[in-house]
């Protein structure tokens, strides 16, 4: 099992501009994003502080850092979607996710803070995403590291992103034999 990429690396095999996915694929990605907070809550429910402070793989982030990374990453993604919907191919500002994950709050804050943030953020994000017309997903943003990216591809990336990090936690739980603690 690949501990770093338990669901595989993100892959976008389509080429060209415009809409390349089917409506069914976009709906599947929307559903994945909508379900991410529930899946993340379930993945960490009952974990002790010691378990939350365990890296999901050697040299990897702790479970706590992964949870806080979700909030950081998805806040940025939500903002980037809004920029792409209101500006003409905006250049977005990347951030150093590894440095953010090493800030004190990401290493020590209770995970409930980011879980609640992610839950409410996704409620708002999904309202926006489900209101879009198919042609809106052809809009682009310019990512300094990736180049021009359609919102359709970005949607697929964030559907993958949620599954990717939830799998880090659920796979660690399974490998470690951690059971949900009694309430």
N, C-alpha and C. Protein backbone atom coordinates (compact mmCIF):
# COMPACT_ATOMS: atom_id res chain seq x y z
N UNK A 1 0.84 -1.18 0.00
CA UNK A 1 0.00 0.00 0.00
C UNK A 1 0.89 1.25 0.00
N UNK A 2 0.53 2.21 -0.81
CA UNK A 2 1.26 3.48 -0.87
C UNK A 2 0.73 4.37 0.24
N UNK A 3 1.52 4.56 1.29
CA UNK A 3 1.07 5.35 2.44
C UNK A 3 0.89 6.83 2.10
N UNK A 4 1.68 7.34 1.16
CA UNK A 4 1.57 8.75 0.81
C UNK A 4 0.38 9.02 -0.11
N UNK A 5 0.09 8.09 -1.00
CA UNK A 5 -1.01 8.26 -1.96
C UNK A 5 -1.93 7.04 -1.91
N UNK A 6 -2.68 6.89 -0.82
CA UNK A 6 -3.49 5.69 -0.63
C UNK A 6 -4.61 5.52 -1.66
N UNK A 7 -5.06 6.59 -2.30
CA UNK A 7 -6.08 6.47 -3.35
C UNK A 7 -5.46 6.74 -4.72
N UNK A 8 -4.14 6.77 -4.77
CA UNK A 8 -3.43 7.08 -6.01
C UNK A 8 -3.24 8.58 -6.14
N UNK A 9 -2.30 8.97 -7.01
CA UNK A 9 -2.07 10.39 -7.27
C UNK A 9 -3.22 10.93 -8.12
N UNK A 10 -3.47 12.24 -7.97
CA UNK A 10 -4.50 12.86 -8.80
C UNK A 10 -4.07 12.75 -10.26
N UNK A 11 -5.01 12.37 -11.09
CA UNK A 11 -4.73 12.22 -12.51
C UNK A 11 -5.83 12.91 -13.32
N UNK A 12 -5.41 13.74 -14.24
CA UNK A 12 -6.33 14.41 -15.16
C UNK A 12 -5.86 14.05 -16.56
N UNK A 13 -6.55 13.11 -17.18
CA UNK A 13 -6.09 12.59 -18.46
C UNK A 13 -6.69 13.33 -19.65
N UNK A 14 -7.59 14.25 -19.37
CA UNK A 14 -8.22 14.99 -20.47
C UNK A 14 -7.29 16.10 -20.93
N UNK A 15 -7.39 16.46 -22.19
CA UNK A 15 -6.59 17.57 -22.70
C UNK A 15 -7.50 18.51 -23.48
N UNK A 16 -7.07 19.73 -23.59
CA UNK A 16 -7.85 20.71 -24.33
C UNK A 16 -8.52 21.70 -23.40
N UNK A 17 -9.24 22.61 -24.01
CA UNK A 17 -9.93 23.65 -23.24
C UNK A 17 -11.41 23.31 -23.13
N UNK A 18 -12.09 24.05 -22.28
CA UNK A 18 -13.54 23.91 -22.18
C UNK A 18 -13.94 22.74 -21.31
N UNK A 19 -15.22 22.37 -21.43
CA UNK A 19 -15.77 21.30 -20.62
C UNK A 19 -15.38 19.95 -21.21
N UNK A 20 -14.83 19.10 -20.36
CA UNK A 20 -14.33 17.81 -20.83
C UNK A 20 -14.97 16.65 -20.09
N UNK A 21 -15.61 16.92 -18.98
CA UNK A 21 -16.25 15.87 -18.19
C UNK A 21 -17.74 15.84 -18.52
N UNK A 22 -18.35 14.75 -18.15
CA UNK A 22 -19.80 14.65 -18.32
C UNK A 22 -20.47 15.32 -17.12
N UNK A 23 -21.73 15.61 -17.28
CA UNK A 23 -22.50 16.17 -16.15
C UNK A 23 -22.51 15.17 -14.99
N UNK A 24 -22.59 13.89 -15.30
CA UNK A 24 -22.59 12.86 -14.24
C UNK A 24 -21.27 12.88 -13.47
N UNK A 25 -20.16 13.06 -14.17
CA UNK A 25 -18.86 13.13 -13.49
C UNK A 25 -18.81 14.36 -12.58
N UNK A 26 -19.26 15.50 -13.08
CA UNK A 26 -19.25 16.71 -12.25
C UNK A 26 -20.13 16.51 -11.01
N UNK A 27 -21.27 15.88 -11.18
CA UNK A 27 -22.15 15.64 -10.04
C UNK A 27 -21.49 14.70 -9.03
N UNK A 28 -20.77 13.72 -9.52
CA UNK A 28 -20.04 12.81 -8.62
C UNK A 28 -18.99 13.58 -7.82
N UNK A 29 -18.26 14.48 -8.48
CA UNK A 29 -17.25 15.28 -7.79
C UNK A 29 -17.90 16.21 -6.78
N UNK A 30 -19.03 16.80 -7.14
CA UNK A 30 -19.75 17.66 -6.19
C UNK A 30 -20.18 16.86 -4.97
N UNK A 31 -20.70 15.66 -5.20
CA UNK A 31 -21.11 14.81 -4.07
C UNK A 31 -19.92 14.45 -3.19
N UNK A 32 -18.78 14.16 -3.80
CA UNK A 32 -17.57 13.85 -3.03
C UNK A 32 -17.19 15.03 -2.13
N UNK A 33 -17.20 16.23 -2.70
CA UNK A 33 -16.85 17.42 -1.91
C UNK A 33 -17.88 17.64 -0.80
N UNK A 34 -19.14 17.45 -1.11
CA UNK A 34 -20.19 17.64 -0.10
C UNK A 34 -20.04 16.65 1.06
N UNK A 35 -19.58 15.44 0.78
CA UNK A 35 -19.48 14.40 1.80
C UNK A 35 -18.16 14.44 2.58
N UNK A 36 -17.20 15.22 2.12
CA UNK A 36 -15.88 15.24 2.76
C UNK A 36 -15.95 15.55 4.26
N UNK A 37 -16.66 16.59 4.71
CA UNK A 37 -16.66 16.85 6.16
C UNK A 37 -17.20 15.68 6.98
N UNK A 38 -18.26 15.03 6.52
CA UNK A 38 -18.83 13.89 7.24
C UNK A 38 -17.82 12.75 7.31
N UNK A 39 -17.15 12.50 6.20
CA UNK A 39 -16.15 11.43 6.17
C UNK A 39 -14.96 11.74 7.09
N UNK A 40 -14.57 13.01 7.12
CA UNK A 40 -13.45 13.39 7.98
C UNK A 40 -13.83 13.28 9.45
N UNK A 41 -15.03 13.77 9.81
CA UNK A 41 -15.50 13.61 11.19
C UNK A 41 -15.45 12.14 11.59
N UNK A 42 -16.00 11.27 10.73
CA UNK A 42 -16.03 9.84 11.04
C UNK A 42 -14.62 9.27 11.19
N UNK A 43 -13.69 9.75 10.37
CA UNK A 43 -12.32 9.23 10.41
C UNK A 43 -11.61 9.54 11.72
N UNK A 44 -11.93 10.67 12.36
CA UNK A 44 -11.22 11.07 13.57
C UNK A 44 -12.02 10.88 14.86
N UNK A 45 -13.28 10.55 14.74
CA UNK A 45 -14.12 10.38 15.93
C UNK A 45 -13.52 9.33 16.85
N UNK A 46 -13.38 9.70 18.12
CA UNK A 46 -12.90 8.78 19.13
C UNK A 46 -11.39 8.68 19.26
N UNK A 47 -10.65 9.38 18.42
CA UNK A 47 -9.19 9.32 18.54
C UNK A 47 -8.73 10.12 19.76
N UNK A 48 -7.74 9.60 20.43
CA UNK A 48 -7.15 10.29 21.58
C UNK A 48 -6.18 11.36 21.08
N UNK A 49 -5.75 12.22 21.98
CA UNK A 49 -4.75 13.23 21.59
C UNK A 49 -3.47 12.55 21.09
N UNK A 50 -3.07 11.48 21.74
CA UNK A 50 -1.86 10.77 21.30
C UNK A 50 -2.04 10.23 19.89
N UNK A 51 -3.21 9.70 19.59
CA UNK A 51 -3.47 9.20 18.24
C UNK A 51 -3.51 10.35 17.23
N UNK A 52 -4.13 11.46 17.61
CA UNK A 52 -4.19 12.63 16.72
C UNK A 52 -2.80 13.17 16.43
N UNK A 53 -1.88 12.95 17.34
CA UNK A 53 -0.51 13.44 17.16
C UNK A 53 0.43 12.39 16.57
N UNK A 54 -0.14 11.36 15.97
CA UNK A 54 0.61 10.31 15.29
C UNK A 54 0.67 10.63 13.80
N UNK A 55 1.86 10.57 13.21
CA UNK A 55 1.95 10.77 11.75
C UNK A 55 1.26 9.63 11.01
N UNK A 56 0.60 9.97 9.92
CA UNK A 56 -0.10 8.94 9.14
C UNK A 56 0.88 8.03 8.38
N UNK A 57 2.12 8.50 8.23
CA UNK A 57 3.18 7.70 7.62
C UNK A 57 4.50 8.24 8.16
N UNK A 58 5.59 7.47 8.09
CA UNK A 58 6.88 7.99 8.51
C UNK A 58 7.22 9.26 7.72
N UNK A 59 7.56 10.33 8.45
CA UNK A 59 7.89 11.60 7.82
C UNK A 59 6.69 12.41 7.38
N UNK A 60 5.50 11.91 7.63
CA UNK A 60 4.28 12.61 7.22
C UNK A 60 3.71 13.46 8.34
N UNK A 61 2.65 14.16 8.01
CA UNK A 61 1.96 14.98 9.00
C UNK A 61 1.25 14.09 10.01
N UNK A 62 0.97 14.68 11.16
CA UNK A 62 0.14 13.99 12.14
C UNK A 62 -1.32 14.06 11.68
N UNK A 63 -2.15 13.23 12.26
CA UNK A 63 -3.58 13.28 11.95
C UNK A 63 -4.10 14.69 12.23
N UNK A 64 -3.68 15.28 13.32
CA UNK A 64 -4.11 16.65 13.67
C UNK A 64 -3.74 17.64 12.57
N UNK A 65 -2.51 17.54 12.07
CA UNK A 65 -2.07 18.44 11.00
C UNK A 65 -2.87 18.20 9.72
N UNK A 66 -3.20 16.96 9.44
CA UNK A 66 -4.01 16.66 8.25
C UNK A 66 -5.38 17.33 8.37
N UNK A 67 -5.99 17.23 9.54
CA UNK A 67 -7.31 17.85 9.73
C UNK A 67 -7.23 19.36 9.54
N UNK A 68 -6.23 19.99 10.13
CA UNK A 68 -6.10 21.44 9.98
C UNK A 68 -5.72 21.82 8.55
N UNK A 69 -4.96 20.95 7.87
CA UNK A 69 -4.64 21.19 6.47
C UNK A 69 -5.91 21.23 5.61
N UNK A 70 -6.86 20.36 5.91
CA UNK A 70 -8.13 20.37 5.19
C UNK A 70 -8.74 21.77 5.23
N UNK A 71 -8.82 22.35 6.40
CA UNK A 71 -9.43 23.67 6.52
C UNK A 71 -8.63 24.71 5.74
N UNK A 72 -7.31 24.68 5.87
CA UNK A 72 -6.47 25.63 5.14
C UNK A 72 -6.66 25.48 3.63
N UNK A 73 -6.56 24.27 3.15
CA UNK A 73 -6.63 24.01 1.72
C UNK A 73 -8.00 24.33 1.14
N UNK A 74 -9.04 23.93 1.83
CA UNK A 74 -10.38 24.12 1.28
C UNK A 74 -10.83 25.57 1.38
N UNK A 75 -10.34 26.29 2.37
CA UNK A 75 -10.60 27.74 2.40
C UNK A 75 -9.97 28.40 1.18
N UNK A 76 -8.75 28.02 0.87
CA UNK A 76 -8.08 28.56 -0.31
C UNK A 76 -8.82 28.16 -1.59
N UNK A 77 -9.25 26.93 -1.68
CA UNK A 77 -9.96 26.47 -2.88
C UNK A 77 -11.27 27.22 -3.07
N UNK A 78 -12.01 27.40 -2.00
CA UNK A 78 -13.28 28.14 -2.07
C UNK A 78 -13.03 29.55 -2.59
N UNK A 79 -12.02 30.21 -2.06
CA UNK A 79 -11.68 31.56 -2.50
C UNK A 79 -11.26 31.56 -3.97
N UNK A 80 -10.50 30.57 -4.36
CA UNK A 80 -10.04 30.50 -5.75
C UNK A 80 -11.20 30.29 -6.71
N UNK A 81 -12.16 29.46 -6.33
CA UNK A 81 -13.36 29.29 -7.17
C UNK A 81 -14.07 30.63 -7.34
N UNK A 82 -14.23 31.35 -6.25
CA UNK A 82 -14.94 32.64 -6.32
C UNK A 82 -14.17 33.64 -7.20
N UNK A 83 -12.85 33.64 -7.08
CA UNK A 83 -12.05 34.52 -7.93
C UNK A 83 -12.24 34.16 -9.40
N UNK A 84 -12.18 32.88 -9.72
CA UNK A 84 -12.32 32.45 -11.11
C UNK A 84 -13.71 32.75 -11.67
N UNK A 85 -14.70 32.80 -10.81
CA UNK A 85 -16.07 33.09 -11.25
C UNK A 85 -16.32 34.58 -11.42
N UNK A 86 -15.46 35.40 -10.83
CA UNK A 86 -15.71 36.85 -10.86
C UNK A 86 -14.63 37.65 -11.58
N UNK A 87 -13.55 36.98 -11.96
CA UNK A 87 -12.46 37.66 -12.66
C UNK A 87 -12.08 36.86 -13.89
N UNK A 88 -11.39 37.47 -14.81
CA UNK A 88 -10.98 36.80 -16.03
C UNK A 88 -9.61 36.15 -15.83
N UNK A 89 -9.62 34.85 -15.67
CA UNK A 89 -8.42 34.03 -15.47
C UNK A 89 -7.48 34.66 -14.43
N UNK A 90 -7.97 34.77 -13.19
CA UNK A 90 -7.11 35.38 -12.16
C UNK A 90 -5.91 34.50 -11.83
N UNK A 91 -4.81 35.15 -11.53
CA UNK A 91 -3.64 34.43 -11.04
C UNK A 91 -3.81 34.31 -9.53
N UNK A 92 -3.82 33.08 -9.07
CA UNK A 92 -4.02 32.86 -7.63
C UNK A 92 -2.66 32.80 -6.94
N UNK A 93 -2.69 33.02 -5.65
CA UNK A 93 -1.47 32.98 -4.86
C UNK A 93 -1.37 31.60 -4.21
N UNK A 94 -0.32 30.86 -4.55
CA UNK A 94 -0.12 29.59 -3.85
C UNK A 94 0.34 29.85 -2.41
N UNK A 95 0.30 28.84 -1.60
CA UNK A 95 0.80 28.96 -0.24
C UNK A 95 1.63 27.73 0.07
N UNK A 96 2.51 27.85 1.01
CA UNK A 96 3.40 26.76 1.39
C UNK A 96 2.68 25.89 2.43
N UNK A 97 1.99 24.87 1.93
CA UNK A 97 1.17 24.05 2.81
C UNK A 97 1.98 23.35 3.90
N UNK A 98 3.21 22.99 3.61
CA UNK A 98 4.05 22.34 4.62
C UNK A 98 4.38 23.30 5.75
N UNK A 99 4.67 24.56 5.41
CA UNK A 99 4.94 25.56 6.45
C UNK A 99 3.68 25.85 7.25
N UNK A 100 2.54 25.93 6.57
CA UNK A 100 1.29 26.17 7.28
C UNK A 100 1.01 25.02 8.26
N UNK A 101 1.27 23.78 7.83
CA UNK A 101 1.02 22.62 8.68
C UNK A 101 1.94 22.58 9.89
N UNK A 102 3.06 23.30 9.82
CA UNK A 102 3.99 23.33 10.94
C UNK A 102 3.80 24.52 11.87
N UNK A 103 2.84 25.40 11.56
CA UNK A 103 2.53 26.49 12.48
C UNK A 103 1.90 25.90 13.75
N UNK A 104 2.04 26.61 14.84
CA UNK A 104 1.60 26.11 16.14
C UNK A 104 0.14 25.67 16.16
N UNK A 105 -0.75 26.46 15.55
CA UNK A 105 -2.16 26.09 15.61
C UNK A 105 -2.42 24.77 14.89
N UNK A 106 -1.73 24.52 13.80
CA UNK A 106 -1.93 23.27 13.05
C UNK A 106 -1.35 22.07 13.80
N UNK A 107 -0.37 22.31 14.64
CA UNK A 107 0.25 21.22 15.39
C UNK A 107 -0.43 20.94 16.72
N UNK A 108 -1.17 21.95 17.25
CA UNK A 108 -1.67 21.78 18.62
C UNK A 108 -3.16 22.04 18.83
N UNK A 109 -3.81 22.74 17.95
CA UNK A 109 -5.22 23.12 18.19
C UNK A 109 -6.13 21.89 18.17
N UNK A 110 -7.21 21.95 18.94
CA UNK A 110 -8.18 20.86 18.88
C UNK A 110 -8.72 20.71 17.45
N UNK A 111 -8.89 19.47 17.01
CA UNK A 111 -9.34 19.24 15.64
C UNK A 111 -10.78 19.69 15.42
N UNK A 112 -11.58 19.75 16.47
CA UNK A 112 -12.98 20.16 16.32
C UNK A 112 -13.10 21.54 15.70
N UNK A 113 -12.12 22.40 15.94
CA UNK A 113 -12.16 23.75 15.37
C UNK A 113 -12.16 23.67 13.84
N UNK A 114 -11.23 22.92 13.29
CA UNK A 114 -11.15 22.81 11.83
C UNK A 114 -12.26 21.94 11.26
N UNK A 115 -12.70 20.94 12.01
CA UNK A 115 -13.81 20.11 11.54
C UNK A 115 -15.08 20.94 11.39
N UNK A 116 -15.35 21.79 12.38
CA UNK A 116 -16.53 22.66 12.32
C UNK A 116 -16.39 23.68 11.20
N UNK A 117 -15.20 24.25 11.07
CA UNK A 117 -14.94 25.21 10.00
C UNK A 117 -15.16 24.54 8.64
N UNK A 118 -14.62 23.35 8.46
CA UNK A 118 -14.75 22.64 7.20
C UNK A 118 -16.22 22.32 6.90
N UNK A 119 -16.94 21.92 7.91
CA UNK A 119 -18.36 21.59 7.73
C UNK A 119 -19.16 22.80 7.24
N UNK A 120 -18.98 23.93 7.89
CA UNK A 120 -19.73 25.12 7.47
C UNK A 120 -19.21 25.69 6.16
N UNK A 121 -17.91 25.63 5.95
CA UNK A 121 -17.33 26.07 4.68
C UNK A 121 -17.91 25.25 3.52
N UNK A 122 -17.97 23.95 3.69
CA UNK A 122 -18.49 23.09 2.62
C UNK A 122 -19.98 23.34 2.37
N UNK A 123 -20.73 23.67 3.41
CA UNK A 123 -22.14 24.01 3.18
C UNK A 123 -22.23 25.20 2.22
N UNK A 124 -21.42 26.20 2.48
CA UNK A 124 -21.42 27.39 1.63
C UNK A 124 -20.86 27.08 0.25
N UNK A 125 -19.75 26.35 0.19
CA UNK A 125 -19.09 26.02 -1.07
C UNK A 125 -20.02 25.21 -1.97
N UNK A 126 -20.69 24.22 -1.39
CA UNK A 126 -21.59 23.38 -2.18
C UNK A 126 -22.78 24.19 -2.69
N UNK A 127 -23.28 25.13 -1.89
CA UNK A 127 -24.34 26.01 -2.39
C UNK A 127 -23.87 26.74 -3.65
N UNK A 128 -22.66 27.25 -3.60
CA UNK A 128 -22.10 27.94 -4.76
C UNK A 128 -21.94 26.97 -5.93
N UNK A 129 -21.28 25.85 -5.69
CA UNK A 129 -20.98 24.90 -6.77
C UNK A 129 -22.24 24.36 -7.44
N UNK A 130 -23.26 24.06 -6.64
CA UNK A 130 -24.49 23.51 -7.21
C UNK A 130 -25.30 24.57 -7.95
N UNK A 131 -24.98 25.83 -7.74
CA UNK A 131 -25.69 26.90 -8.46
C UNK A 131 -25.09 27.18 -9.83
N UNK A 132 -23.94 26.62 -10.10
CA UNK A 132 -23.23 26.93 -11.35
C UNK A 132 -23.86 26.21 -12.54
N UNK A 133 -23.76 26.86 -13.67
CA UNK A 133 -24.16 26.27 -14.94
C UNK A 133 -22.96 25.48 -15.48
N UNK A 134 -23.21 24.48 -16.32
CA UNK A 134 -22.07 23.70 -16.84
C UNK A 134 -20.97 24.56 -17.44
N UNK A 135 -21.32 25.61 -18.17
CA UNK A 135 -20.29 26.44 -18.80
C UNK A 135 -19.43 27.18 -17.77
N UNK A 136 -19.94 27.37 -16.55
CA UNK A 136 -19.14 28.02 -15.51
C UNK A 136 -17.90 27.21 -15.16
N UNK A 137 -18.00 25.89 -15.31
CA UNK A 137 -16.87 25.03 -14.98
C UNK A 137 -15.75 25.12 -16.01
N UNK A 138 -16.02 25.77 -17.14
CA UNK A 138 -14.98 26.00 -18.14
C UNK A 138 -14.14 27.23 -17.81
N UNK A 139 -14.59 28.04 -16.85
CA UNK A 139 -13.81 29.21 -16.45
C UNK A 139 -12.48 28.73 -15.89
N UNK A 140 -11.48 29.62 -15.94
CA UNK A 140 -10.13 29.23 -15.54
C UNK A 140 -9.55 30.16 -14.49
N UNK A 141 -8.59 29.60 -13.80
CA UNK A 141 -7.72 30.39 -12.95
C UNK A 141 -6.30 30.05 -13.37
N UNK A 142 -5.40 30.94 -13.10
CA UNK A 142 -4.00 30.69 -13.43
C UNK A 142 -3.25 30.36 -12.15
N UNK A 143 -2.81 29.13 -12.07
CA UNK A 143 -2.05 28.67 -10.91
C UNK A 143 -0.57 28.79 -11.27
N UNK A 144 0.22 29.57 -10.52
CA UNK A 144 1.63 29.76 -10.88
C UNK A 144 2.43 28.47 -11.05
N UNK A 145 2.03 27.41 -10.38
CA UNK A 145 2.76 26.14 -10.50
C UNK A 145 2.15 25.20 -11.53
N UNK A 146 0.84 25.33 -11.79
CA UNK A 146 0.15 24.40 -12.68
C UNK A 146 -0.25 25.01 -14.02
N UNK A 147 -0.18 26.34 -14.10
CA UNK A 147 -0.64 27.03 -15.31
C UNK A 147 -2.15 27.22 -15.27
N UNK A 148 -2.76 27.48 -16.42
CA UNK A 148 -4.22 27.67 -16.45
C UNK A 148 -4.95 26.37 -16.09
N UNK A 149 -5.92 26.47 -15.20
CA UNK A 149 -6.68 25.31 -14.73
C UNK A 149 -8.15 25.67 -14.81
N UNK A 150 -8.95 24.80 -15.44
CA UNK A 150 -10.40 25.03 -15.46
C UNK A 150 -10.99 24.72 -14.09
N UNK A 151 -12.12 25.31 -13.81
CA UNK A 151 -12.81 24.99 -12.56
C UNK A 151 -13.27 23.54 -12.56
N UNK A 152 -13.51 22.98 -13.73
CA UNK A 152 -13.87 21.58 -13.82
C UNK A 152 -12.73 20.70 -13.28
N UNK A 153 -11.51 20.97 -13.73
CA UNK A 153 -10.35 20.21 -13.24
C UNK A 153 -10.14 20.47 -11.76
N UNK A 154 -10.32 21.71 -11.33
CA UNK A 154 -10.15 22.05 -9.93
C UNK A 154 -11.17 21.33 -9.07
N UNK A 155 -12.39 21.20 -9.58
CA UNK A 155 -13.43 20.46 -8.88
C UNK A 155 -13.00 19.00 -8.70
N UNK A 156 -12.51 18.39 -9.77
CA UNK A 156 -12.04 17.00 -9.70
C UNK A 156 -10.88 16.87 -8.71
N UNK A 157 -9.98 17.86 -8.72
CA UNK A 157 -8.82 17.82 -7.80
C UNK A 157 -9.28 17.83 -6.34
N UNK A 158 -10.29 18.64 -6.02
CA UNK A 158 -10.72 18.73 -4.63
C UNK A 158 -11.59 17.56 -4.21
N UNK A 159 -12.28 16.93 -5.16
CA UNK A 159 -12.96 15.68 -4.84
C UNK A 159 -11.91 14.63 -4.47
N UNK A 160 -10.84 14.56 -5.27
CA UNK A 160 -9.74 13.64 -4.97
C UNK A 160 -9.07 14.01 -3.64
N UNK A 161 -8.83 15.30 -3.41
CA UNK A 161 -8.13 15.76 -2.22
C UNK A 161 -8.82 15.27 -0.95
N UNK A 162 -10.13 15.36 -0.91
CA UNK A 162 -10.86 14.90 0.27
C UNK A 162 -10.67 13.40 0.49
N UNK A 163 -10.83 12.61 -0.55
CA UNK A 163 -10.65 11.16 -0.42
C UNK A 163 -9.22 10.82 -0.02
N UNK A 164 -8.27 11.54 -0.61
CA UNK A 164 -6.84 11.32 -0.36
C UNK A 164 -6.50 11.44 1.12
N UNK A 165 -6.91 12.55 1.73
CA UNK A 165 -6.53 12.77 3.13
C UNK A 165 -7.39 11.97 4.12
N UNK A 166 -8.65 11.76 3.80
CA UNK A 166 -9.45 10.88 4.67
C UNK A 166 -8.83 9.49 4.69
N UNK A 167 -8.37 9.02 3.53
CA UNK A 167 -7.74 7.70 3.47
C UNK A 167 -6.45 7.65 4.28
N UNK A 168 -5.70 8.76 4.36
CA UNK A 168 -4.52 8.77 5.22
C UNK A 168 -4.90 8.37 6.64
N UNK A 169 -5.99 8.96 7.12
CA UNK A 169 -6.41 8.74 8.51
C UNK A 169 -7.03 7.36 8.68
N UNK A 170 -7.94 6.98 7.79
CA UNK A 170 -8.60 5.68 7.94
C UNK A 170 -7.62 4.53 7.77
N UNK A 171 -6.66 4.68 6.87
CA UNK A 171 -5.65 3.63 6.71
C UNK A 171 -4.76 3.52 7.94
N UNK A 172 -4.39 4.66 8.54
CA UNK A 172 -3.61 4.64 9.77
C UNK A 172 -4.39 3.94 10.88
N UNK A 173 -5.67 4.28 11.00
CA UNK A 173 -6.51 3.64 12.03
C UNK A 173 -6.53 2.13 11.83
N UNK A 174 -6.69 1.72 10.59
CA UNK A 174 -6.76 0.29 10.30
C UNK A 174 -5.42 -0.38 10.60
N UNK A 175 -4.33 0.20 10.13
CA UNK A 175 -3.00 -0.39 10.36
C UNK A 175 -2.68 -0.47 11.85
N UNK A 176 -3.14 0.54 12.60
CA UNK A 176 -2.81 0.62 14.02
C UNK A 176 -3.80 -0.14 14.89
N UNK A 177 -4.91 -0.58 14.33
CA UNK A 177 -5.92 -1.29 15.10
C UNK A 177 -6.65 -0.38 16.07
N UNK A 178 -6.76 0.90 15.75
CA UNK A 178 -7.43 1.84 16.65
C UNK A 178 -8.94 1.71 16.52
N UNK A 179 -9.55 1.54 17.63
CA UNK A 179 -11.01 1.49 17.69
C UNK A 179 -11.54 2.85 18.13
N UNK A 180 -12.78 3.10 17.84
CA UNK A 180 -13.41 4.34 18.29
C UNK A 180 -13.55 4.26 19.81
N UNK A 181 -13.06 5.30 20.50
CA UNK A 181 -13.14 5.34 21.97
C UNK A 181 -14.59 5.46 22.41
N UNK A 182 -14.90 4.94 23.58
CA UNK A 182 -16.26 5.04 24.14
C UNK A 182 -16.55 6.48 24.50
N UNK A 183 -17.80 6.86 24.30
CA UNK A 183 -18.22 8.23 24.64
C UNK A 183 -18.48 8.35 26.11
